[in-house]
N, C-alpha and C. Protein backbone atom coordinates (compact mmCIF):
# COMPACT_ATOMS: atom_id res chain seq x y z
N MET A 1 33.92 -28.40 -3.82
CA MET A 1 32.64 -27.93 -4.27
C MET A 1 32.23 -26.70 -3.44
N ILE A 2 31.78 -25.68 -4.13
CA ILE A 2 31.31 -24.46 -3.45
C ILE A 2 29.79 -24.39 -3.59
N THR A 3 29.15 -24.20 -2.46
CA THR A 3 27.70 -24.05 -2.42
C THR A 3 27.34 -22.63 -2.10
N LYS A 4 26.53 -22.01 -2.94
CA LYS A 4 26.07 -20.64 -2.68
C LYS A 4 24.79 -20.72 -1.90
N ILE A 5 24.70 -19.90 -0.90
CA ILE A 5 23.46 -19.81 -0.12
C ILE A 5 22.96 -18.37 -0.27
N PHE A 6 21.75 -18.24 -0.78
CA PHE A 6 21.14 -16.91 -0.95
C PHE A 6 20.10 -16.72 0.16
N MET A 7 20.24 -15.63 0.84
CA MET A 7 19.25 -15.30 1.87
C MET A 7 18.49 -14.06 1.41
N GLU A 8 17.18 -14.21 1.39
CA GLU A 8 16.34 -13.06 1.02
C GLU A 8 16.10 -12.22 2.26
N ILE A 9 16.51 -10.99 2.18
CA ILE A 9 16.40 -10.11 3.35
C ILE A 9 15.37 -9.01 3.08
N LEU A 10 14.47 -8.85 4.04
CA LEU A 10 13.48 -7.78 3.99
C LEU A 10 13.92 -6.72 4.98
N GLU A 11 14.26 -5.54 4.47
CA GLU A 11 14.64 -4.45 5.35
C GLU A 11 13.40 -3.75 5.83
N ILE A 12 13.30 -3.56 7.13
CA ILE A 12 12.11 -2.97 7.74
C ILE A 12 12.43 -1.58 8.28
N ILE A 13 11.57 -0.66 7.99
CA ILE A 13 11.62 0.67 8.60
C ILE A 13 10.32 0.87 9.34
N GLU A 14 10.40 1.15 10.62
CA GLU A 14 9.21 1.50 11.40
C GLU A 14 9.28 2.98 11.72
N LYS A 15 8.20 3.71 11.43
CA LYS A 15 8.22 5.14 11.66
C LYS A 15 6.88 5.55 12.23
N SER A 16 6.94 6.43 13.21
CA SER A 16 5.73 6.97 13.84
C SER A 16 5.69 8.46 13.60
N TRP A 17 4.68 8.91 12.83
CA TRP A 17 4.48 10.34 12.65
C TRP A 17 3.70 10.90 13.84
N ASN A 18 2.69 10.13 14.23
CA ASN A 18 1.85 10.42 15.41
C ASN A 18 1.10 9.15 15.75
N ALA A 19 0.20 9.21 16.73
CA ALA A 19 -0.49 7.98 17.17
C ALA A 19 -1.35 7.40 16.06
N ASP A 20 -1.81 8.19 15.11
CA ASP A 20 -2.66 7.71 14.04
C ASP A 20 -1.83 7.12 12.87
N PHE A 21 -0.59 7.48 12.79
CA PHE A 21 0.23 7.02 11.68
C PHE A 21 1.52 6.40 12.20
N GLU A 22 1.41 5.20 12.70
CA GLU A 22 2.56 4.37 13.07
C GLU A 22 2.67 3.30 12.02
N LEU A 23 3.67 3.41 11.14
CA LEU A 23 3.72 2.56 9.97
C LEU A 23 4.99 1.71 9.94
N LYS A 24 4.90 0.65 9.14
CA LYS A 24 6.09 -0.15 8.85
C LYS A 24 6.18 -0.25 7.33
N LEU A 25 7.41 -0.15 6.83
CA LEU A 25 7.67 -0.27 5.43
C LEU A 25 8.63 -1.42 5.21
N GLY A 26 8.39 -2.20 4.19
CA GLY A 26 9.28 -3.31 3.86
C GLY A 26 9.96 -3.08 2.53
N PHE A 27 11.28 -3.24 2.51
CA PHE A 27 12.08 -3.09 1.29
C PHE A 27 12.82 -4.38 1.01
N TRP A 28 12.70 -4.86 -0.23
CA TRP A 28 13.44 -6.01 -0.67
C TRP A 28 14.27 -5.60 -1.87
N ASP A 29 15.55 -5.87 -1.84
CA ASP A 29 16.45 -5.51 -2.94
C ASP A 29 16.29 -4.02 -3.26
N ASN A 30 16.22 -3.20 -2.19
CA ASN A 30 16.07 -1.74 -2.29
C ASN A 30 14.82 -1.28 -3.06
N ARG A 31 13.78 -2.11 -3.02
CA ARG A 31 12.52 -1.74 -3.64
C ARG A 31 11.42 -1.86 -2.59
N LEU A 32 10.54 -0.86 -2.56
CA LEU A 32 9.43 -0.91 -1.64
C LEU A 32 8.51 -2.06 -2.02
N VAL A 33 8.19 -2.92 -1.06
CA VAL A 33 7.28 -4.04 -1.32
C VAL A 33 6.06 -4.03 -0.41
N TYR A 34 6.08 -3.17 0.60
CA TYR A 34 4.95 -3.20 1.55
C TYR A 34 4.91 -1.92 2.41
N ILE A 35 3.69 -1.40 2.61
CA ILE A 35 3.45 -0.36 3.62
C ILE A 35 2.25 -0.84 4.41
N GLY A 36 2.36 -0.80 5.71
CA GLY A 36 1.22 -1.17 6.58
C GLY A 36 1.33 -0.49 7.91
N PHE A 37 0.24 -0.53 8.65
CA PHE A 37 0.27 -0.01 10.01
C PHE A 37 1.05 -1.02 10.87
N LEU A 38 1.63 -0.53 11.97
CA LEU A 38 2.47 -1.40 12.80
C LEU A 38 1.78 -2.67 13.26
N ASN A 39 0.52 -2.60 13.56
CA ASN A 39 -0.20 -3.77 14.07
C ASN A 39 -0.68 -4.75 12.97
N ASP A 40 -0.55 -4.36 11.72
CA ASP A 40 -0.98 -5.24 10.63
C ASP A 40 -0.04 -6.43 10.50
N PRO A 41 -0.58 -7.62 10.25
CA PRO A 41 0.29 -8.77 10.01
C PRO A 41 1.00 -8.66 8.67
N TRP A 42 2.19 -9.23 8.59
CA TRP A 42 2.90 -9.24 7.33
C TRP A 42 2.21 -10.21 6.36
N PRO A 43 2.16 -9.87 5.06
CA PRO A 43 1.61 -10.83 4.09
C PRO A 43 2.41 -12.13 4.09
N LEU A 44 1.76 -13.22 3.79
CA LEU A 44 2.42 -14.54 3.79
C LEU A 44 3.66 -14.56 2.92
N ALA A 45 3.60 -13.94 1.75
CA ALA A 45 4.72 -13.98 0.81
C ALA A 45 5.97 -13.33 1.45
N LEU A 46 5.78 -12.38 2.31
CA LEU A 46 6.92 -11.70 2.93
C LEU A 46 7.42 -12.40 4.18
N GLN A 47 6.58 -13.25 4.77
CA GLN A 47 6.96 -13.93 6.02
C GLN A 47 8.11 -14.91 5.82
N LYS A 48 8.40 -15.30 4.59
CA LYS A 48 9.46 -16.24 4.31
C LYS A 48 10.83 -15.57 4.27
N LEU A 49 10.83 -14.24 4.28
CA LEU A 49 12.09 -13.52 4.21
C LEU A 49 12.68 -13.31 5.60
N ILE A 50 13.95 -12.99 5.62
CA ILE A 50 14.62 -12.68 6.88
C ILE A 50 14.45 -11.20 7.16
N PHE A 51 13.91 -10.87 8.33
CA PHE A 51 13.60 -9.47 8.66
C PHE A 51 14.83 -8.81 9.31
N VAL A 52 15.17 -7.63 8.83
CA VAL A 52 16.27 -6.85 9.40
C VAL A 52 15.74 -5.43 9.57
N LYS A 53 15.69 -4.96 10.83
CA LYS A 53 15.22 -3.59 11.06
C LYS A 53 16.34 -2.60 10.78
N LYS A 54 15.97 -1.56 10.02
CA LYS A 54 16.92 -0.49 9.71
C LYS A 54 16.65 0.71 10.60
N LYS A 55 17.65 1.26 11.19
CA LYS A 55 17.46 2.42 12.03
C LYS A 55 18.24 3.63 11.51
N GLN A 56 19.15 3.40 10.61
CA GLN A 56 19.97 4.50 10.06
C GLN A 56 20.50 4.08 8.70
N ASN A 57 21.22 4.99 8.06
CA ASN A 57 21.79 4.72 6.74
C ASN A 57 20.74 4.28 5.74
N PHE A 58 19.68 5.08 5.61
CA PHE A 58 18.64 4.76 4.66
C PHE A 58 19.11 5.03 3.23
N SER A 59 18.68 4.18 2.30
CA SER A 59 19.00 4.40 0.91
C SER A 59 18.16 5.56 0.37
N GLN A 60 18.49 6.05 -0.79
CA GLN A 60 17.74 7.15 -1.41
C GLN A 60 16.31 6.71 -1.68
N THR A 61 16.12 5.47 -2.09
CA THR A 61 14.77 4.94 -2.33
C THR A 61 13.97 4.96 -1.01
N GLN A 62 14.55 4.54 0.06
CA GLN A 62 13.84 4.51 1.34
C GLN A 62 13.52 5.93 1.81
N LEU A 63 14.45 6.86 1.66
CA LEU A 63 14.17 8.25 2.01
C LEU A 63 13.05 8.83 1.14
N ASP A 64 13.03 8.45 -0.12
CA ASP A 64 11.99 8.93 -1.03
C ASP A 64 10.63 8.43 -0.60
N CYS A 65 10.53 7.19 -0.20
CA CYS A 65 9.26 6.62 0.30
C CYS A 65 8.79 7.34 1.56
N LEU A 66 9.70 7.58 2.46
CA LEU A 66 9.35 8.28 3.70
C LEU A 66 8.87 9.71 3.38
N SER A 67 9.49 10.34 2.40
CA SER A 67 9.09 11.68 1.98
C SER A 67 7.68 11.67 1.40
N LYS A 68 7.34 10.66 0.61
CA LYS A 68 6.02 10.53 0.06
C LYS A 68 4.98 10.34 1.15
N LEU A 69 5.31 9.56 2.16
CA LEU A 69 4.40 9.34 3.28
C LEU A 69 4.23 10.66 4.08
N ASP A 70 5.32 11.39 4.22
CA ASP A 70 5.20 12.72 4.87
C ASP A 70 4.19 13.60 4.12
N ALA A 71 4.31 13.61 2.80
CA ALA A 71 3.41 14.39 1.97
C ALA A 71 1.97 13.92 2.14
N PHE A 72 1.78 12.62 2.10
CA PHE A 72 0.40 12.06 2.28
C PHE A 72 -0.20 12.53 3.61
N ILE A 73 0.54 12.35 4.68
CA ILE A 73 0.03 12.68 6.02
C ILE A 73 -0.30 14.17 6.13
N ASN A 74 0.43 14.99 5.39
CA ASN A 74 0.19 16.46 5.42
C ASN A 74 -0.74 16.92 4.32
N HIS A 75 -1.44 15.97 3.68
CA HIS A 75 -2.39 16.30 2.59
C HIS A 75 -1.74 17.06 1.44
N GLU A 76 -0.50 16.72 1.15
CA GLU A 76 0.22 17.35 0.05
C GLU A 76 0.26 16.39 -1.13
N ASN A 77 0.47 16.93 -2.32
CA ASN A 77 0.58 16.06 -3.49
C ASN A 77 1.90 15.30 -3.46
N TYR A 78 1.89 14.11 -4.01
CA TYR A 78 3.08 13.27 -4.10
C TYR A 78 2.98 12.48 -5.39
N ASP A 79 4.11 12.09 -5.92
CA ASP A 79 4.16 11.29 -7.14
C ASP A 79 4.62 9.90 -6.77
N PHE A 80 3.72 8.94 -6.96
CA PHE A 80 4.06 7.55 -6.65
C PHE A 80 4.10 6.81 -7.96
N ALA A 81 5.28 6.55 -8.50
CA ALA A 81 5.46 6.00 -9.83
C ALA A 81 5.22 4.48 -9.85
N PRO A 82 4.07 4.08 -10.38
CA PRO A 82 3.75 2.65 -10.36
C PRO A 82 4.76 1.79 -11.11
N ASP A 83 5.34 2.29 -12.17
CA ASP A 83 6.29 1.48 -12.93
C ASP A 83 7.46 1.05 -12.06
N PHE A 84 7.87 1.92 -11.16
CA PHE A 84 9.02 1.57 -10.32
C PHE A 84 8.60 0.64 -9.17
N TYR A 85 7.49 0.91 -8.56
CA TYR A 85 7.11 0.20 -7.32
C TYR A 85 6.28 -1.06 -7.59
N PHE A 86 5.49 -1.06 -8.65
CA PHE A 86 4.58 -2.17 -8.87
C PHE A 86 5.28 -3.36 -9.55
N HIS A 87 6.28 -3.90 -8.91
CA HIS A 87 6.97 -5.05 -9.44
C HIS A 87 6.33 -6.35 -9.00
N GLN A 88 5.33 -6.25 -8.13
CA GLN A 88 4.58 -7.43 -7.68
C GLN A 88 3.15 -7.25 -8.11
N GLY A 89 2.41 -8.33 -8.10
CA GLY A 89 1.00 -8.27 -8.48
C GLY A 89 0.80 -8.64 -9.93
N THR A 90 -0.41 -9.04 -10.23
CA THR A 90 -0.79 -9.39 -11.63
C THR A 90 -0.99 -8.11 -12.43
N SER A 91 -1.10 -8.24 -13.73
CA SER A 91 -1.35 -7.06 -14.57
C SER A 91 -2.70 -6.46 -14.23
N PHE A 92 -3.68 -7.29 -13.87
CA PHE A 92 -4.99 -6.77 -13.48
C PHE A 92 -4.89 -6.00 -12.15
N GLU A 93 -4.19 -6.54 -11.19
CA GLU A 93 -4.02 -5.84 -9.92
C GLU A 93 -3.31 -4.50 -10.12
N LYS A 94 -2.29 -4.48 -10.97
CA LYS A 94 -1.58 -3.24 -11.25
C LYS A 94 -2.48 -2.22 -11.91
N LEU A 95 -3.37 -2.69 -12.77
CA LEU A 95 -4.33 -1.78 -13.41
C LEU A 95 -5.27 -1.15 -12.37
N VAL A 96 -5.73 -1.95 -11.45
CA VAL A 96 -6.61 -1.44 -10.37
C VAL A 96 -5.84 -0.44 -9.51
N TRP A 97 -4.63 -0.81 -9.10
CA TRP A 97 -3.83 0.08 -8.23
C TRP A 97 -3.49 1.38 -8.94
N SER A 98 -3.22 1.32 -10.24
CA SER A 98 -2.91 2.55 -10.99
C SER A 98 -4.12 3.47 -11.05
N GLU A 99 -5.30 2.88 -11.16
CA GLU A 99 -6.52 3.70 -11.18
C GLU A 99 -6.75 4.35 -9.83
N LEU A 100 -6.44 3.65 -8.75
CA LEU A 100 -6.58 4.23 -7.42
C LEU A 100 -5.71 5.46 -7.23
N LEU A 101 -4.56 5.49 -7.90
CA LEU A 101 -3.64 6.62 -7.78
C LEU A 101 -4.26 7.92 -8.34
N LYS A 102 -5.29 7.80 -9.16
CA LYS A 102 -5.93 8.96 -9.76
C LYS A 102 -6.91 9.63 -8.83
N LEU A 103 -7.27 8.97 -7.72
CA LEU A 103 -8.23 9.54 -6.77
C LEU A 103 -7.51 10.67 -5.99
N VAL A 104 -8.28 11.73 -5.73
CA VAL A 104 -7.72 12.85 -4.95
C VAL A 104 -8.10 12.72 -3.50
N TYR A 105 -7.43 13.45 -2.64
CA TYR A 105 -7.73 13.40 -1.20
C TYR A 105 -9.24 13.57 -0.95
N GLY A 106 -9.78 12.66 -0.14
CA GLY A 106 -11.19 12.74 0.24
C GLY A 106 -12.16 12.14 -0.74
N GLU A 107 -11.73 11.85 -1.96
CA GLU A 107 -12.62 11.27 -2.99
C GLU A 107 -12.76 9.77 -2.72
N THR A 108 -14.00 9.27 -2.83
CA THR A 108 -14.25 7.86 -2.70
C THR A 108 -14.82 7.31 -3.98
N ILE A 109 -14.78 6.00 -4.13
CA ILE A 109 -15.29 5.31 -5.31
C ILE A 109 -15.79 3.96 -4.87
N THR A 110 -16.84 3.47 -5.52
CA THR A 110 -17.33 2.13 -5.21
C THR A 110 -16.55 1.10 -6.01
N TYR A 111 -16.62 -0.12 -5.55
CA TYR A 111 -15.94 -1.23 -6.28
C TYR A 111 -16.46 -1.33 -7.70
N SER A 112 -17.80 -1.21 -7.87
CA SER A 112 -18.39 -1.32 -9.20
C SER A 112 -17.97 -0.14 -10.08
N ASP A 113 -17.92 1.07 -9.54
CA ASP A 113 -17.47 2.20 -10.36
C ASP A 113 -15.99 2.06 -10.72
N LEU A 114 -15.20 1.50 -9.83
CA LEU A 114 -13.80 1.25 -10.15
C LEU A 114 -13.67 0.22 -11.25
N ALA A 115 -14.50 -0.81 -11.20
CA ALA A 115 -14.49 -1.83 -12.27
C ALA A 115 -14.86 -1.21 -13.60
N ASN A 116 -15.83 -0.30 -13.60
CA ASN A 116 -16.23 0.38 -14.82
C ASN A 116 -15.10 1.26 -15.36
N LYS A 117 -14.44 1.97 -14.47
CA LYS A 117 -13.36 2.90 -14.88
C LYS A 117 -12.20 2.15 -15.55
N ILE A 118 -11.91 0.94 -15.14
CA ILE A 118 -10.80 0.21 -15.74
C ILE A 118 -11.25 -0.61 -16.93
N GLY A 119 -12.53 -0.52 -17.30
CA GLY A 119 -13.02 -1.22 -18.46
C GLY A 119 -13.41 -2.67 -18.24
N HIS A 120 -13.66 -3.04 -17.01
CA HIS A 120 -14.05 -4.42 -16.65
C HIS A 120 -15.29 -4.37 -15.74
N PRO A 121 -16.42 -3.93 -16.30
CA PRO A 121 -17.62 -3.71 -15.47
C PRO A 121 -18.15 -4.95 -14.75
N LYS A 122 -17.84 -6.13 -15.26
CA LYS A 122 -18.35 -7.37 -14.64
C LYS A 122 -17.35 -7.98 -13.65
N ALA A 123 -16.25 -7.32 -13.46
CA ALA A 123 -15.17 -7.89 -12.61
C ALA A 123 -15.11 -7.24 -11.25
N VAL A 124 -16.28 -6.97 -10.66
CA VAL A 124 -16.33 -6.27 -9.38
C VAL A 124 -15.61 -7.08 -8.28
N ARG A 125 -15.83 -8.37 -8.26
CA ARG A 125 -15.17 -9.19 -7.23
C ARG A 125 -13.65 -9.24 -7.42
N SER A 126 -13.23 -9.30 -8.68
CA SER A 126 -11.78 -9.28 -8.95
C SER A 126 -11.19 -7.95 -8.56
N VAL A 127 -11.92 -6.86 -8.78
CA VAL A 127 -11.47 -5.53 -8.37
C VAL A 127 -11.34 -5.49 -6.85
N ALA A 128 -12.34 -6.00 -6.15
CA ALA A 128 -12.30 -6.03 -4.68
C ALA A 128 -11.10 -6.83 -4.18
N SER A 129 -10.81 -7.93 -4.82
CA SER A 129 -9.66 -8.76 -4.46
C SER A 129 -8.35 -7.98 -4.68
N ALA A 130 -8.26 -7.29 -5.84
CA ALA A 130 -7.06 -6.49 -6.11
C ALA A 130 -6.88 -5.37 -5.09
N VAL A 131 -7.96 -4.72 -4.75
CA VAL A 131 -7.92 -3.63 -3.74
C VAL A 131 -7.42 -4.21 -2.41
N ALA A 132 -7.91 -5.37 -2.03
CA ALA A 132 -7.52 -6.02 -0.77
C ALA A 132 -6.03 -6.42 -0.77
N LYS A 133 -5.49 -6.69 -1.94
CA LYS A 133 -4.09 -7.13 -2.04
C LYS A 133 -3.10 -5.97 -2.20
N ASN A 134 -3.60 -4.74 -2.20
CA ASN A 134 -2.73 -3.57 -2.34
C ASN A 134 -1.64 -3.59 -1.26
N PRO A 135 -0.38 -3.70 -1.67
CA PRO A 135 0.67 -3.75 -0.66
C PRO A 135 1.11 -2.38 -0.18
N PHE A 136 0.62 -1.32 -0.79
CA PHE A 136 1.10 0.02 -0.50
C PHE A 136 0.03 0.87 0.16
N LEU A 137 -0.31 0.48 1.39
CA LEU A 137 -1.33 1.20 2.16
C LEU A 137 -1.04 2.69 2.12
N LEU A 138 -2.08 3.47 2.05
CA LEU A 138 -2.07 4.92 2.07
C LEU A 138 -1.60 5.53 0.75
N LEU A 139 -0.38 5.24 0.26
CA LEU A 139 0.07 5.86 -0.97
C LEU A 139 -0.75 5.42 -2.18
N VAL A 140 -1.20 4.17 -2.19
CA VAL A 140 -2.20 3.72 -3.17
C VAL A 140 -3.47 3.61 -2.33
N PRO A 141 -4.36 4.61 -2.45
CA PRO A 141 -5.44 4.80 -1.47
C PRO A 141 -6.60 3.81 -1.57
N CYS A 142 -6.33 2.57 -1.19
CA CYS A 142 -7.38 1.55 -1.21
C CYS A 142 -8.47 1.83 -0.17
N HIS A 143 -8.15 2.64 0.82
CA HIS A 143 -9.14 2.99 1.85
C HIS A 143 -10.27 3.86 1.26
N ARG A 144 -10.08 4.40 0.06
CA ARG A 144 -11.11 5.26 -0.55
C ARG A 144 -12.13 4.46 -1.36
N VAL A 145 -11.95 3.15 -1.40
CA VAL A 145 -12.92 2.29 -2.11
C VAL A 145 -13.96 1.80 -1.11
N ILE A 146 -15.20 2.05 -1.44
CA ILE A 146 -16.32 1.68 -0.53
C ILE A 146 -17.30 0.80 -1.30
N SER A 147 -18.06 0.04 -0.56
CA SER A 147 -19.07 -0.80 -1.18
C SER A 147 -20.38 0.01 -1.31
N LYS A 148 -21.21 -0.39 -2.26
CA LYS A 148 -22.48 0.28 -2.48
C LYS A 148 -23.39 0.20 -1.25
N ASN A 149 -23.30 -0.89 -0.52
CA ASN A 149 -24.21 -1.08 0.63
C ASN A 149 -23.63 -0.47 1.91
N GLY A 150 -22.50 0.19 1.83
CA GLY A 150 -21.96 0.88 2.99
C GLY A 150 -21.05 0.01 3.87
N ALA A 151 -20.88 -1.26 3.52
CA ALA A 151 -20.02 -2.13 4.32
C ALA A 151 -18.58 -1.62 4.19
N SER A 152 -17.86 -1.64 5.27
CA SER A 152 -16.51 -1.16 5.32
C SER A 152 -15.51 -2.29 5.46
N HIS A 153 -14.71 -2.50 4.43
CA HIS A 153 -13.68 -3.52 4.41
C HIS A 153 -12.33 -2.84 4.31
N TYR A 154 -11.42 -3.24 5.20
CA TYR A 154 -10.08 -2.64 5.18
C TYR A 154 -9.16 -3.53 5.99
N ARG A 155 -7.99 -3.79 5.45
CA ARG A 155 -7.12 -4.77 6.14
C ARG A 155 -6.68 -4.28 7.52
N SER A 156 -6.71 -2.98 7.74
CA SER A 156 -6.33 -2.43 9.03
C SER A 156 -7.55 -2.18 9.94
N GLY A 157 -8.70 -2.60 9.48
CA GLY A 157 -9.93 -2.47 10.29
C GLY A 157 -10.78 -1.28 9.86
N SER A 158 -12.08 -1.41 10.12
CA SER A 158 -13.02 -0.39 9.71
C SER A 158 -12.85 0.93 10.45
N LEU A 159 -12.42 0.87 11.71
CA LEU A 159 -12.22 2.12 12.46
C LEU A 159 -11.08 2.96 11.83
N LYS A 160 -10.01 2.30 11.40
CA LYS A 160 -8.89 3.01 10.77
C LYS A 160 -9.35 3.60 9.44
N LYS A 161 -10.16 2.83 8.69
CA LYS A 161 -10.66 3.33 7.41
C LYS A 161 -11.53 4.55 7.63
N GLN A 162 -12.43 4.50 8.61
CA GLN A 162 -13.31 5.64 8.89
C GLN A 162 -12.48 6.86 9.32
N PHE A 163 -11.45 6.63 10.11
CA PHE A 163 -10.58 7.74 10.51
C PHE A 163 -9.97 8.41 9.26
N LEU A 164 -9.44 7.59 8.33
CA LEU A 164 -8.81 8.13 7.13
C LEU A 164 -9.80 8.90 6.29
N LEU A 165 -11.00 8.33 6.09
CA LEU A 165 -12.02 8.99 5.28
C LEU A 165 -12.54 10.26 5.96
N ASN A 166 -12.80 10.20 7.25
CA ASN A 166 -13.34 11.36 8.00
C ASN A 166 -12.37 12.52 8.03
N ASN A 167 -11.08 12.21 7.90
CA ASN A 167 -10.07 13.26 7.95
C ASN A 167 -9.53 13.62 6.56
N GLY A 168 -10.25 13.24 5.53
CA GLY A 168 -9.92 13.68 4.18
C GLY A 168 -8.74 12.98 3.55
N TYR A 169 -8.35 11.83 4.05
CA TYR A 169 -7.26 11.11 3.43
C TYR A 169 -7.79 10.21 2.34
């Protein structure tokens, strides 16, 4: 009898552009599944995978993601194709994330305005939840969503969010 053992491997790339942009990227099956700051905890769903740090021999997909982050950090335009990357999340979350991609550098939007834009004006809490679950920090600019009362929520902390907003990201 032959038993197959499948191990789910998460390839990790850690890259530091400068002190403000020290990021980690997670790739599963050569697909981007996560972008976060180095100090951010990994999402629970990814913690079950085996972590392997990559230091060389990047795939074309991985190089493409690094190039998009280079463009973001330099305030340049980049194309982040949701159909390719959004293989996780519910259809509602993908709708919210796709709408966030339409925001330009420095533009902010409230949770309620975002709910209106996607045609679900009463789903403000669901929109906030989808924004919080965004696995692609920076490239899908969840940091540009603000609450009407000025409260600052961001998985990497309010200081990081203020830095991004104050510097036109």
